[in-house]
């Protein structure tokens, strides 16, 4: 089984814990579904959030989805002038037989503008 990495992002409409849970949960679910994965295939997940998000840890949404035995970590994204606001990004390390070229990176909604080259 190969170790692969999958990227993703979602932009929140507002900085509220419930909204973050909903949107990050949607992102994680899409990453798993589009790549034919289950929580057992996850090795670890890095979350970053732009500096304007303060309401909750993005990893809390993963725990609420039942991803409870996977190492998760949150960090703050760089504060770059002109960057898209209210964005949560993920970098998930997974076990998968898929070739690297077949990994589906997931950028939901307006976050698709962040990586038009790999967003699916």
PDB file of N, CA and C in Angstrom:
ATOM      1  N   UNK A   1       0.848  -1.176   0.000  1.00  0.00           N
ATOM      2  CA  UNK A   1       0.000   0.000   0.000  1.00  0.00           C
ATOM      3  C   UNK A   1       0.895   1.241   0.000  1.00  0.00           C
ATOM      4  N   UNK A   2       0.618   2.171  -0.892  1.00  0.00           N
ATOM      5  CA  UNK A   2       1.414   3.398  -1.007  1.00  0.00           C
ATOM      6  C   UNK A   2       0.880   4.483  -0.078  1.00  0.00           C
ATOM      7  N   UNK A   3       1.781   5.363   0.333  1.00  0.00           N
ATOM      8  CA  UNK A   3       1.395   6.555   1.077  1.00  0.00           C
ATOM      9  C   UNK A   3       1.234   7.681   0.069  1.00  0.00           C
ATOM     10  N   UNK A   4       0.098   8.342   0.114  1.00  0.00           N
ATOM     11  CA  UNK A   4      -0.198   9.453  -0.783  1.00  0.00           C
ATOM     12  C   UNK A   4      -0.631  10.657   0.047  1.00  0.00           C
ATOM     13  N   UNK A   5      -0.661  11.813  -0.581  1.00  0.00           N
ATOM     14  CA  UNK A   5      -1.155  13.022   0.067  1.00  0.00           C
ATOM     15  C   UNK A   5      -2.276  13.599  -0.784  1.00  0.00           C
ATOM     16  N   UNK A   6      -3.292  14.083  -0.125  1.00  0.00           N
ATOM     17  CA  UNK A   6      -4.416  14.711  -0.822  1.00  0.00           C
ATOM     18  C   UNK A   6      -4.658  16.083  -0.202  1.00  0.00           C
ATOM     19  N   UNK A   7      -4.873  17.073  -1.055  1.00  0.00           N
ATOM     20  CA  UNK A   7      -5.080  18.447  -0.633  1.00  0.00           C
ATOM     21  C   UNK A   7      -6.532  18.824  -0.781  1.00  0.00           C
ATOM     22  N   UNK A   8      -6.916  19.868  -0.056  1.00  0.00           N
ATOM     23  CA  UNK A   8      -8.257  20.396  -0.200  1.00  0.00           C
ATOM     24  C   UNK A   8      -8.404  21.711   0.531  1.00  0.00           C
ATOM     25  N   UNK A   9      -9.486  22.418   0.221  1.00  0.00           N
ATOM     26  CA  UNK A   9      -9.770  23.683   0.886  1.00  0.00           C
ATOM     27  C   UNK A   9     -11.238  24.024   0.742  1.00  0.00           C
ATOM     28  N   UNK A  10     -11.685  24.857   1.666  1.00  0.00           N
ATOM     29  CA  UNK A  10     -13.043  25.375   1.629  1.00  0.00           C
ATOM     30  C   UNK A  10     -13.032  26.779   2.221  1.00  0.00           C
ATOM     31  N   UNK A  11     -13.843  27.661   1.651  1.00  0.00           N
ATOM     32  CA  UNK A  11     -13.975  29.003   2.202  1.00  0.00           C
ATOM     33  C   UNK A  11     -15.257  29.064   3.018  1.00  0.00           C
ATOM     34  N   UNK A  12     -15.155  29.600   4.220  1.00  0.00           N
ATOM     35  CA  UNK A  12     -16.312  29.778   5.078  1.00  0.00           C
ATOM     36  C   UNK A  12     -16.973  31.115   4.776  1.00  0.00           C
ATOM     37  N   UNK A  13     -18.275  31.154   4.946  1.00  0.00           N
ATOM     38  CA  UNK A  13     -19.006  32.408   4.757  1.00  0.00           C
ATOM     39  C   UNK A  13     -18.890  33.311   5.975  1.00  0.00           C
ATOM     40  N   UNK A  14     -18.699  32.701   7.153  1.00  0.00           N
ATOM     41  CA  UNK A  14     -18.615  33.460   8.402  1.00  0.00           C
ATOM     42  C   UNK A  14     -17.814  32.655   9.412  1.00  0.00           C
ATOM     43  N   UNK A  15     -17.288  33.336  10.396  1.00  0.00           N
ATOM     44  CA  UNK A  15     -16.481  32.695  11.433  1.00  0.00           C
ATOM     45  C   UNK A  15     -17.367  32.305  12.617  1.00  0.00           C
ATOM     46  N   UNK A  16     -18.019  31.174  12.486  1.00  0.00           N
ATOM     47  CA  UNK A  16     -18.867  30.615  13.544  1.00  0.00           C
ATOM     48  C   UNK A  16     -18.558  29.126  13.653  1.00  0.00           C
ATOM     49  N   UNK A  17     -18.467  28.630  14.884  1.00  0.00           N
ATOM     50  CA  UNK A  17     -18.069  27.237  15.115  1.00  0.00           C
ATOM     51  C   UNK A  17     -18.969  26.244  14.375  1.00  0.00           C
ATOM     52  N   UNK A  18     -20.263  26.414  14.451  1.00  0.00           N
ATOM     53  CA  UNK A  18     -21.176  25.494  13.774  1.00  0.00           C
ATOM     54  C   UNK A  18     -20.998  25.500  12.274  1.00  0.00           C
ATOM     55  N   UNK A  19     -20.788  26.681  11.723  1.00  0.00           N
ATOM     56  CA  UNK A  19     -20.571  26.802  10.277  1.00  0.00           C
ATOM     57  C   UNK A  19     -19.244  26.149   9.890  1.00  0.00           C
ATOM     58  N   UNK A  20     -18.212  26.325  10.723  1.00  0.00           N
ATOM     59  CA  UNK A  20     -16.929  25.683  10.442  1.00  0.00           C
ATOM     60  C   UNK A  20     -17.080  24.167  10.470  1.00  0.00           C
ATOM     61  N   UNK A  21     -17.767  23.647  11.465  1.00  0.00           N
ATOM     62  CA  UNK A  21     -18.000  22.195  11.531  1.00  0.00           C
ATOM     63  C   UNK A  21     -18.672  21.694  10.257  1.00  0.00           C
ATOM     64  N   UNK A  22     -19.680  22.411   9.816  1.00  0.00           N
ATOM     65  CA  UNK A  22     -20.436  22.009   8.635  1.00  0.00           C
ATOM     66  C   UNK A  22     -19.561  22.011   7.384  1.00  0.00           C
ATOM     67  N   UNK A  23     -18.847  23.100   7.152  1.00  0.00           N
ATOM     68  CA  UNK A  23     -18.059  23.238   5.923  1.00  0.00           C
ATOM     69  C   UNK A  23     -16.830  22.318   5.915  1.00  0.00           C
ATOM     70  N   UNK A  24     -16.133  22.219   7.060  1.00  0.00           N
ATOM     71  CA  UNK A  24     -14.968  21.332   7.128  1.00  0.00           C
ATOM     72  C   UNK A  24     -15.420  19.878   7.036  1.00  0.00           C
ATOM     73  N   UNK A  25     -16.540  19.554   7.662  1.00  0.00           N
ATOM     74  CA  UNK A  25     -17.100  18.209   7.541  1.00  0.00           C
ATOM     75  C   UNK A  25     -17.432  17.874   6.096  1.00  0.00           C
ATOM     76  N   UNK A  26     -17.992  18.840   5.376  1.00  0.00           N
ATOM     77  CA  UNK A  26     -18.305  18.658   3.956  1.00  0.00           C
ATOM     78  C   UNK A  26     -17.024  18.417   3.157  1.00  0.00           C
ATOM     79  N   UNK A  27     -15.974  19.163   3.463  1.00  0.00           N
ATOM     80  CA  UNK A  27     -14.696  18.995   2.766  1.00  0.00           C
ATOM     81  C   UNK A  27     -14.104  17.612   3.018  1.00  0.00           C
ATOM     82  N   UNK A  28     -14.044  17.208   4.275  1.00  0.00           N
ATOM     83  CA  UNK A  28     -13.478  15.897   4.606  1.00  0.00           C
ATOM     84  C   UNK A  28     -14.273  14.768   3.974  1.00  0.00           C
ATOM     85  N   UNK A  29     -15.586  14.874   4.020  1.00  0.00           N
ATOM     86  CA  UNK A  29     -16.449  13.857   3.420  1.00  0.00           C
ATOM     87  C   UNK A  29     -16.199  13.761   1.924  1.00  0.00           C
ATOM     88  N   UNK A  30     -16.070  14.901   1.266  1.00  0.00           N
ATOM     89  CA  UNK A  30     -15.809  14.911  -0.182  1.00  0.00           C
ATOM     90  C   UNK A  30     -14.452  14.293  -0.504  1.00  0.00           C
ATOM     91  N   UNK A  31     -13.435  14.598   0.294  1.00  0.00           N
ATOM     92  CA  UNK A  31     -12.104  14.016   0.070  1.00  0.00           C
ATOM     93  C   UNK A  31     -12.171  12.496   0.178  1.00  0.00           C
ATOM     94  N   UNK A  32     -12.839  11.993   1.215  1.00  0.00           N
ATOM     95  CA  UNK A  32     -12.949  10.549   1.391  1.00  0.00           C
ATOM     96  C   UNK A  32     -13.729   9.914   0.241  1.00  0.00           C
ATOM     97  N   UNK A  33     -14.894  10.477  -0.082  1.00  0.00           N
ATOM     98  CA  UNK A  33     -15.744   9.894  -1.120  1.00  0.00           C
ATOM     99  C   UNK A  33     -15.091   9.920  -2.500  1.00  0.00           C
ATOM    100  N   UNK A  34     -14.512  11.044  -2.874  1.00  0.00           N
ATOM    101  CA  UNK A  34     -13.942  11.182  -4.221  1.00  0.00           C
ATOM    102  C   UNK A  34     -12.696  10.321  -4.419  1.00  0.00           C
ATOM    103  N   UNK A  35     -12.097   9.907  -3.319  1.00  0.00           N
ATOM    104  CA  UNK A  35     -10.900   9.063  -3.408  1.00  0.00           C
ATOM    105  C   UNK A  35     -11.163   7.624  -2.988  1.00  0.00           C
ATOM    106  N   UNK A  36     -12.431   7.276  -2.741  1.00  0.00           N
ATOM    107  CA  UNK A  36     -12.772   5.911  -2.361  1.00  0.00           C
ATOM    108  C   UNK A  36     -12.135   5.491  -1.052  1.00  0.00           C
ATOM    109  N   UNK A  37     -12.076   6.414  -0.093  1.00  0.00           N
ATOM    110  CA  UNK A  37     -11.401   6.165   1.180  1.00  0.00           C
ATOM    111  C   UNK A  37     -12.378   6.026   2.329  1.00  0.00           C
ATOM    112  N   UNK A  38     -11.887   5.427   3.412  1.00  0.00           N
ATOM    113  CA  UNK A  38     -12.581   5.433   4.688  1.00  0.00           C
ATOM    114  C   UNK A  38     -11.637   6.057   5.709  1.00  0.00           C
ATOM    115  N   UNK A  39     -12.124   6.298   6.896  1.00  0.00           N
ATOM    116  CA  UNK A  39     -11.279   6.866   7.949  1.00  0.00           C
ATOM    117  C   UNK A  39     -10.081   5.967   8.244  1.00  0.00           C
ATOM    118  N   UNK A  40     -10.233   4.658   8.040  1.00  0.00           N
ATOM    119  CA  UNK A  40      -9.119   3.731   8.275  1.00  0.00           C
ATOM    120  C   UNK A  40      -7.955   3.943   7.307  1.00  0.00           C
ATOM    121  N   UNK A  41      -8.199   4.593   6.182  1.00  0.00           N
ATOM    122  CA  UNK A  41      -7.145   4.865   5.207  1.00  0.00           C
ATOM    123  C   UNK A  41      -6.338   6.116   5.540  1.00  0.00           C
ATOM    124  N   UNK A  42      -6.825   6.908   6.499  1.00  0.00           N
ATOM    125  CA  UNK A  42      -6.134   8.143   6.877  1.00  0.00           C
ATOM    126  C   UNK A  42      -4.947   7.843   7.782  1.00  0.00           C
ATOM    127  N   UNK A  43      -3.815   8.452   7.491  1.00  0.00           N
ATOM    128  CA  UNK A  43      -2.630   8.354   8.344  1.00  0.00           C
ATOM    129  C   UNK A  43      -2.578   9.551   9.280  1.00  0.00           C
ATOM    130  N   UNK A  44      -2.745  10.749   8.715  1.00  0.00           N
ATOM    131  CA  UNK A  44      -2.778  11.983   9.502  1.00  0.00           C
ATOM    132  C   UNK A  44      -3.379  13.087   8.647  1.00  0.00           C
ATOM    133  N   UNK A  45      -3.834  14.150   9.317  1.00  0.00           N
ATOM    134  CA  UNK A  45      -4.407  15.287   8.599  1.00  0.00           C
ATOM    135  C   UNK A  45      -3.892  16.581   9.223  1.00  0.00           C
ATOM    136  N   UNK A  46      -3.348  17.432   8.380  1.00  0.00           N
ATOM    137  CA  UNK A  46      -2.956  18.793   8.762  1.00  0.00           C
ATOM    138  C   UNK A  46      -4.067  19.735   8.321  1.00  0.00           C
ATOM    139  N   UNK A  47      -4.472  20.614   9.212  1.00  0.00           N
ATOM    140  CA  UNK A  47      -5.441  21.658   8.898  1.00  0.00           C
ATOM    141  C   UNK A  47      -4.747  23.000   9.060  1.00  0.00           C
ATOM    142  N   UNK A  48      -4.983  23.919   8.132  1.00  0.00           N
ATOM    143  CA  UNK A  48      -4.588  25.300   8.361  1.00  0.00           C
ATOM    144  C   UNK A  48      -5.821  26.165   8.193  1.00  0.00           C
ATOM    145  N   UNK A  49      -5.819  27.279   8.914  1.00  0.00           N
ATOM    146  CA  UNK A  49      -6.914  28.237   8.818  1.00  0.00           C
ATOM    147  C   UNK A  49      -6.312  29.627   8.666  1.00  0.00           C
ATOM    148  N   UNK A  50      -6.959  30.445   7.878  1.00  0.00           N
ATOM    149  CA  UNK A  50      -6.488  31.813   7.725  1.00  0.00           C
ATOM    150  C   UNK A  50      -6.624  32.541   9.060  1.00  0.00           C
ATOM    151  N   UNK A  51      -5.821  33.584   9.276  1.00  0.00           N
ATOM    152  CA  UNK A  51      -5.792  34.268  10.578  1.00  0.00           C
ATOM    153  C   UNK A  51      -7.111  34.909  11.003  1.00  0.00           C
ATOM    154  N   UNK A  52      -8.066  35.032  10.088  1.00  0.00           N
ATOM    155  CA  UNK A  52      -9.352  35.639  10.445  1.00  0.00           C
ATOM    156  C   UNK A  52     -10.359  34.626  10.994  1.00  0.00           C
ATOM    157  N   UNK A  53      -9.956  33.362  11.151  1.00  0.00           N
ATOM    158  CA  UNK A  53     -10.836  32.335  11.726  1.00  0.00           C
ATOM    159  C   UNK A  53     -10.423  32.051  13.168  1.00  0.00           C
ATOM    160  N   UNK A  54     -11.342  32.279  14.087  1.00  0.00           N
ATOM    161  CA  UNK A  54     -11.057  32.155  15.520  1.00  0.00           C
ATOM    162  C   UNK A  54     -12.084  31.319  16.284  1.00  0.00           C
ATOM    163  N   UNK A  55     -13.169  30.904  15.651  1.00  0.00           N
ATOM    164  CA  UNK A  55     -14.308  30.330  16.377  1.00  0.00           C
ATOM    165  C   UNK A  55     -14.081  28.905  16.875  1.00  0.00           C
ATOM    166  N   UNK A  56     -13.235  28.126  16.198  1.00  0.00           N
ATOM    167  CA  UNK A  56     -13.036  26.735  16.615  1.00  0.00           C
ATOM    168  C   UNK A  56     -11.812  26.173  15.885  1.00  0.00           C
ATOM    169  N   UNK A  57     -11.395  24.999  16.322  1.00  0.00           N
ATOM    170  CA  UNK A  57     -10.332  24.270  15.639  1.00  0.00           C
ATOM    171  C   UNK A  57     -10.957  23.493  14.479  1.00  0.00           C
ATOM    172  N   UNK A  58     -10.407  23.593  13.283  1.00  0.00           N
ATOM    173  CA  UNK A  58     -10.952  22.803  12.172  1.00  0.00           C
ATOM    174  C   UNK A  58     -10.941  21.297  12.458  1.00  0.00           C
ATOM    175  N   UNK A  59      -9.965  20.822  13.202  1.00  0.00           N
ATOM    176  CA  UNK A  59      -9.895  19.397  13.515  1.00  0.00           C
ATOM    177  C   UNK A  59     -11.094  18.918  14.328  1.00  0.00           C
ATOM    178  N   UNK A  60     -11.746  19.819  15.038  1.00  0.00           N
ATOM    179  CA  UNK A  60     -12.927  19.431  15.817  1.00  0.00           C
ATOM    180  C   UNK A  60     -14.015  18.860  14.908  1.00  0.00           C
ATOM    181  N   UNK A  61     -14.107  19.370  13.693  1.00  0.00           N
ATOM    182  CA  UNK A  61     -15.095  18.851  12.743  1.00  0.00           C
ATOM    183  C   UNK A  61     -14.799  17.406  12.377  1.00  0.00           C
ATOM    184  N   UNK A  62     -13.512  17.063  12.245  1.00  0.00           N
ATOM    185  CA  UNK A  62     -13.143  15.678  11.937  1.00  0.00           C
ATOM    186  C   UNK A  62     -13.556  14.754  13.074  1.00  0.00           C
ATOM    187  N   UNK A  63     -13.324  15.175  14.294  1.00  0.00           N
ATOM    188  CA  UNK A  63     -13.711  14.356  15.449  1.00  0.00           C
ATOM    189  C   UNK A  63     -15.220  14.136  15.467  1.00  0.00           C
ATOM    190  N   UNK A  64     -15.980  15.162  15.110  1.00  0.00           N
ATOM    191  CA  UNK A  64     -17.442  15.036  15.090  1.00  0.00           C
ATOM    192  C   UNK A  64     -17.920  14.101  13.988  1.00  0.00           C
ATOM    193  N   UNK A  65     -17.091  13.902  12.961  1.00  0.00           N
ATOM    194  CA  UNK A  65     -17.418  12.945  11.898  1.00  0.00           C
ATOM    195  C   UNK A  65     -17.068  11.512  12.288  1.00  0.00           C
ATOM    196  N   UNK A  66     -16.423  11.351  13.451  1.00  0.00           N
ATOM    197  CA  UNK A  66     -16.027  10.020  13.898  1.00  0.00           C
ATOM    198  C   UNK A  66     -14.586   9.676  13.596  1.00  0.00           C
ATOM    199  N   UNK A  67     -13.819  10.629  13.102  1.00  0.00           N
ATOM    200  CA  UNK A  67     -12.388  10.407  12.852  1.00  0.00           C
ATOM    201  C   UNK A  67     -11.681  10.675  14.178  1.00  0.00           C
ATOM    202  N   UNK A  68     -11.584   9.624  14.992  1.00  0.00           N
ATOM    203  CA  UNK A  68     -11.127   9.818  16.379  1.00  0.00           C
ATOM    204  C   UNK A  68      -9.765   9.220  16.686  1.00  0.00           C
ATOM    205  N   UNK A  69      -9.270   8.324  15.842  1.00  0.00           N
ATOM    206  CA  UNK A  69      -7.988   7.688  16.138  1.00  0.00           C
ATOM    207  C   UNK A  69      -6.913   8.024  15.104  1.00  0.00           C
ATOM    208  N   UNK A  70      -7.090   9.155  14.427  1.00  0.00           N
ATOM    209  CA  UNK A  70      -6.143   9.634  13.421  1.00  0.00           C
ATOM    210  C   UNK A  70      -5.475  10.895  13.967  1.00  0.00           C
ATOM    211  N   UNK A  71      -4.155  10.997  13.907  1.00  0.00           N
ATOM    212  CA  UNK A  71      -3.497  12.221  14.359  1.00  0.00           C
ATOM    213  C   UNK A  71      -3.918  13.421  13.506  1.00  0.00           C
ATOM    214  N   UNK A  72      -4.344  14.481  14.166  1.00  0.00           N
ATOM    215  CA  UNK A  72      -4.776  15.715  13.516  1.00  0.00           C
ATOM    216  C   UNK A  72      -4.013  16.875  14.133  1.00  0.00           C
ATOM    217  N   UNK A  73      -3.721  17.885  13.340  1.00  0.00           N
ATOM    218  CA  UNK A  73      -3.065  19.076  13.874  1.00  0.00           C
ATOM    219  C   UNK A  73      -3.591  20.295  13.122  1.00  0.00           C
ATOM    220  N   UNK A  74      -3.693  21.404  13.837  1.00  0.00           N
ATOM    221  CA  UNK A  74      -4.134  22.666  13.250  1.00  0.00           C
ATOM    222  C   UNK A  74      -3.004  23.686  13.328  1.00  0.00           C
ATOM    223  N   UNK A  75      -2.934  24.527  12.309  1.00  0.00           N
ATOM    224  CA  UNK A  75      -1.948  25.602  12.277  1.00  0.00           C
ATOM    225  C   UNK A  75      -2.580  26.804  11.588  1.00  0.00           C
ATOM    226  N   UNK A  76      -1.954  27.949  11.771  1.00  0.00           N
ATOM    227  CA  UNK A  76      -2.449  29.160  11.130  1.00  0.00           C
ATOM    228  C   UNK A  76      -1.738  29.360   9.797  1.00  0.00           C
ATOM    229  N   UNK A  77      -2.521  29.664   8.790  1.00  0.00           N
ATOM    230  CA  UNK A  77      -1.995  29.961   7.457  1.00  0.00           C
ATOM    231  C   UNK A  77      -1.249  31.299   7.508  1.00  0.00           C
ATOM    232  N   UNK A  78      -0.323  31.512   6.600  1.00  0.00           N
ATOM    233  CA  UNK A  78       0.379  32.787   6.519  1.00  0.00           C
ATOM    234  C   UNK A  78      -0.605  33.928   6.267  1.00  0.00           C
ATOM    235  N   UNK A  79      -0.348  35.071   6.858  1.00  0.00           N
ATOM    236  CA  UNK A  79      -1.195  36.251   6.714  1.00  0.00           C
ATOM    237  C   UNK A  79      -0.673  37.082   5.542  1.00  0.00           C
ATOM    238  N   UNK A  80      -1.073  36.702   4.338  1.00  0.00           N
ATOM    239  CA  UNK A  80      -0.593  37.336   3.120  1.00  0.00           C
ATOM    240  C   UNK A  80      -1.627  38.357   2.641  1.00  0.00           C
ATOM    241  N   UNK A  81      -1.171  39.568   2.386  1.00  0.00           N
ATOM    242  CA  UNK A  81      -2.069  40.616   1.914  1.00  0.00           C
ATOM    243  C   UNK A  81      -2.737  40.196   0.608  1.00  0.00           C
ATOM    244  N   UNK A  82      -4.048  40.333   0.557  1.00  0.00           N
ATOM    245  CA  UNK A  82      -4.810  39.995  -0.639  1.00  0.00           C
ATOM    246  C   UNK A  82      -5.222  38.534  -0.744  1.00  0.00           C
ATOM    247  N   UNK A  83      -4.825  37.708   0.229  1.00  0.00           N
ATOM    248  CA  UNK A  83      -5.197  36.288   0.186  1.00  0.00           C
ATOM    249  C   UNK A  83      -6.699  36.120   0.433  1.00  0.00           C
ATOM    250  N   UNK A  84      -7.240  35.033  -0.070  1.00  0.00           N
ATOM    251  CA  UNK A  84      -8.656  34.739   0.135  1.00  0.00           C
ATOM    252  C   UNK A  84      -8.933  34.611   1.639  1.00  0.00           C
ATOM    253  N   UNK A  85      -9.957  35.270   2.149  1.00  0.00           N
ATOM    254  CA  UNK A  85     -10.262  35.204   3.580  1.00  0.00           C
ATOM    255  C   UNK A  85     -11.060  33.953   3.957  1.00  0.00           C
ATOM    256  N   UNK A  86     -11.043  33.630   5.256  1.00  0.00           N
ATOM    257  CA  UNK A  86     -11.869  32.582   5.872  1.00  0.00           C
ATOM    258  C   UNK A  86     -11.723  31.226   5.172  1.00  0.00           C
ATOM    259  N   UNK A  87     -10.482  30.789   4.986  1.00  0.00           N
ATOM    260  CA  UNK A  87     -10.220  29.532   4.285  1.00  0.00           C
ATOM    261  C   UNK A  87      -9.610  28.512   5.239  1.00  0.00           C
ATOM    262  N   UNK A  88     -10.128  27.295   5.185  1.00  0.00           N
ATOM    263  CA  UNK A  88      -9.539  26.148   5.868  1.00  0.00           C
ATOM    264  C   UNK A  88      -8.972  25.241   4.779  1.00  0.00           C
ATOM    265  N   UNK A  89      -7.707  24.877   4.945  1.00  0.00           N
ATOM    266  CA  UNK A  89      -7.040  23.968   4.015  1.00  0.00           C
ATOM    267  C   UNK A  89      -6.705  22.675   4.738  1.00  0.00           C
ATOM    268  N   UNK A  90      -6.628  21.588   3.978  1.00  0.00           N
ATOM    269  CA  UNK A  90      -6.191  20.320   4.564  1.00  0.00           C
ATOM    270  C   UNK A  90      -5.094  19.707   3.705  1.00  0.00           C
ATOM    271  N   UNK A  91      -4.251  18.956   4.362  1.00  0.00           N
ATOM    272  CA  UNK A  91      -3.268  18.084   3.724  1.00  0.00           C
ATOM    273  C   UNK A  91      -3.394  16.757   4.460  1.00  0.00           C
ATOM    274  N   UNK A  92      -4.002  15.784   3.803  1.00  0.00           N
ATOM    275  CA  UNK A  92      -4.232  14.472   4.411  1.00  0.00           C
ATOM    276  C   UNK A  92      -3.248  13.460   3.842  1.00  0.00           C
ATOM    277  N   UNK A  93      -2.594  12.731   4.716  1.00  0.00           N
ATOM    278  CA  UNK A  93      -1.727  11.626   4.318  1.00  0.00           C
ATOM    279  C   UNK A  93      -2.573  10.364   4.391  1.00  0.00           C
ATOM    280  N   UNK A  94      -2.544   9.590   3.306  1.00  0.00           N
ATOM    281  CA  UNK A  94      -3.438   8.434   3.195  1.00  0.00           C
ATOM    282  C   UNK A  94      -2.676   7.210   2.716  1.00  0.00           C
ATOM    283  N   UNK A  95      -3.282   6.057   2.944  1.00  0.00           N
ATOM    284  CA  UNK A  95      -2.826   4.814   2.327  1.00  0.00           C
ATOM    285  C   UNK A  95      -3.775   4.536   1.166  1.00  0.00           C
ATOM    286  N   UNK A  96      -3.200   4.341  -0.019  1.00  0.00           N
ATOM    287  CA  UNK A  96      -4.035   4.137  -1.198  1.00  0.00           C
ATOM    288  C   UNK A  96      -3.254   3.408  -2.277  1.00  0.00           C
ATOM    289  N   UNK A  97      -3.963   2.592  -3.026  1.00  0.00           N
ATOM    290  CA  UNK A  97      -3.374   1.924  -4.185  1.00  0.00           C
ATOM    291  C   UNK A  97      -3.437   2.811  -5.420  1.00  0.00           C
ATOM    292  N   UNK A  98      -4.147   3.939  -5.333  1.00  0.00           N
ATOM    293  CA  UNK A  98      -4.271   4.834  -6.485  1.00  0.00           C
ATOM    294  C   UNK A  98      -2.919   5.437  -6.852  1.00  0.00           C
ATOM    295  N   UNK A  99      -2.644   5.545  -8.138  1.00  0.00           N
ATOM    296  CA  UNK A  99      -1.446   6.278  -8.544  1.00  0.00           C
ATOM    297  C   UNK A  99      -1.589   7.749  -8.145  1.00  0.00           C
ATOM    298  N   UNK A 100      -0.479   8.398  -7.931  1.00  0.00           N
ATOM    299  CA  UNK A 100      -0.487   9.805  -7.525  1.00  0.00           C
ATOM    300  C   UNK A 100      -1.352  10.653  -8.465  1.00  0.00           C
ATOM    301  N   UNK A 101      -1.292  10.380  -9.747  1.00  0.00           N
ATOM    302  CA  UNK A 101      -2.045  11.163 -10.737  1.00  0.00           C
ATOM    303  C   UNK A 101      -3.556  10.992 -10.597  1.00  0.00           C
ATOM    304  N   UNK A 102      -4.001   9.930  -9.926  1.00  0.00           N
ATOM    305  CA  UNK A 102      -5.433   9.670  -9.780  1.00  0.00           C
ATOM    306  C   UNK A 102      -6.013  10.172  -8.459  1.00  0.00           C
ATOM    307  N   UNK A 103      -5.203  10.793  -7.638  1.00  0.00           N
ATOM    308  CA  UNK A 103      -5.706  11.344  -6.376  1.00  0.00           C
ATOM    309  C   UNK A 103      -6.570  12.558  -6.686  1.00  0.00           C
ATOM    310  N   UNK A 104      -7.760  12.605  -6.105  1.00  0.00           N
ATOM    311  CA  UNK A 104      -8.684  13.723  -6.323  1.00  0.00           C
ATOM    312  C   UNK A 104      -8.505  14.749  -5.209  1.00  0.00           C
ATOM    313  N   UNK A 105      -7.933  15.884  -5.561  1.00  0.00           N
ATOM    314  CA  UNK A 105      -7.794  16.999  -4.627  1.00  0.00           C
ATOM    315  C   UNK A 105      -9.099  17.777  -4.667  1.00  0.00           C
ATOM    316  N   UNK A 106      -9.592  18.199  -3.508  1.00  0.00           N
ATOM    317  CA  UNK A 106     -10.943  18.743  -3.417  1.00  0.00           C
ATOM    318  C   UNK A 106     -10.910  20.187  -2.927  1.00  0.00           C
ATOM    319  N   UNK A 107     -11.341  21.091  -3.782  1.00  0.00           N
ATOM    320  CA  UNK A 107     -11.450  22.511  -3.446  1.00  0.00           C
ATOM    321  C   UNK A 107     -12.909  22.896  -3.665  1.00  0.00           C
ATOM    322  N   UNK A 108     -13.634  23.082  -2.575  1.00  0.00           N
ATOM    323  CA  UNK A 108     -15.073  23.312  -2.655  1.00  0.00           C
ATOM    324  C   UNK A 108     -15.411  24.783  -2.889  1.00  0.00           C
ATOM    325  N   UNK A 109     -16.440  25.007  -3.679  1.00  0.00           N
ATOM    326  CA  UNK A 109     -16.959  26.352  -3.899  1.00  0.00           C
ATOM    327  C   UNK A 109     -15.909  27.328  -4.380  1.00  0.00           C
ATOM    328  N   UNK A 110     -15.901  28.504  -3.774  1.00  0.00           N
ATOM    329  CA  UNK A 110     -14.989  29.570  -4.189  1.00  0.00           C
ATOM    330  C   UNK A 110     -13.528  29.216  -3.945  1.00  0.00           C
ATOM    331  N   UNK A 111     -13.251  28.245  -3.073  1.00  0.00           N
ATOM    332  CA  UNK A 111     -11.870  27.824  -2.814  1.00  0.00           C
ATOM    333  C   UNK A 111     -11.255  27.159  -4.041  1.00  0.00           C
ATOM    334  N   UNK A 112     -12.065  26.781  -5.016  1.00  0.00           N
ATOM    335  CA  UNK A 112     -11.547  26.213  -6.255  1.00  0.00           C
ATOM    336  C   UNK A 112     -10.605  27.161  -6.977  1.00  0.00           C
ATOM    337  N   UNK A 113     -10.748  28.460  -6.729  1.00  0.00           N
ATOM    338  CA  UNK A 113      -9.874  29.447  -7.359  1.00  0.00           C
ATOM    339  C   UNK A 113      -8.440  29.372  -6.826  1.00  0.00           C
ATOM    340  N   UNK A 114      -8.248  28.730  -5.670  1.00  0.00           N
ATOM    341  CA  UNK A 114      -6.920  28.655  -5.068  1.00  0.00           C
ATOM    342  C   UNK A 114      -5.970  27.768  -5.861  1.00  0.00           C
ATOM    343  N   UNK A 115      -6.486  26.682  -6.398  1.00  0.00           N
ATOM    344  CA  UNK A 115      -5.633  25.729  -7.129  1.00  0.00           C
ATOM    345  C   UNK A 115      -6.392  25.192  -8.326  1.00  0.00           C
ATOM    346  N   UNK A 116      -6.609  26.027  -9.306  1.00  0.00           N
ATOM    347  CA  UNK A 116      -7.325  25.603 -10.519  1.00  0.00           C
ATOM    348  C   UNK A 116      -6.601  24.475 -11.236  1.00  0.00           C
ATOM    349  N   UNK A 117      -5.293  24.352 -10.982  1.00  0.00           N
ATOM    350  CA  UNK A 117      -4.500  23.325 -11.652  1.00  0.00           C
ATOM    351  C   UNK A 117      -4.784  21.919 -11.130  1.00  0.00           C
ATOM    352  N   UNK A 118      -5.226  21.793  -9.859  1.00  0.00           N
ATOM    353  CA  UNK A 118      -5.470  20.448  -9.319  1.00  0.00           C
ATOM    354  C   UNK A 118      -6.880  20.262  -8.759  1.00  0.00           C
ATOM    355  N   UNK A 119      -7.663  21.322  -8.666  1.00  0.00           N
ATOM    356  CA  UNK A 119      -9.020  21.206  -8.109  1.00  0.00           C
ATOM    357  C   UNK A 119      -9.884  20.352  -9.023  1.00  0.00           C
ATOM    358  N   UNK A 120     -10.682  19.489  -8.394  1.00  0.00           N
ATOM    359  CA  UNK A 120     -11.589  18.632  -9.171  1.00  0.00           C
ATOM    360  C   UNK A 120     -13.009  18.860  -8.720  1.00  0.00           C
TER     361      UNK A 120
END
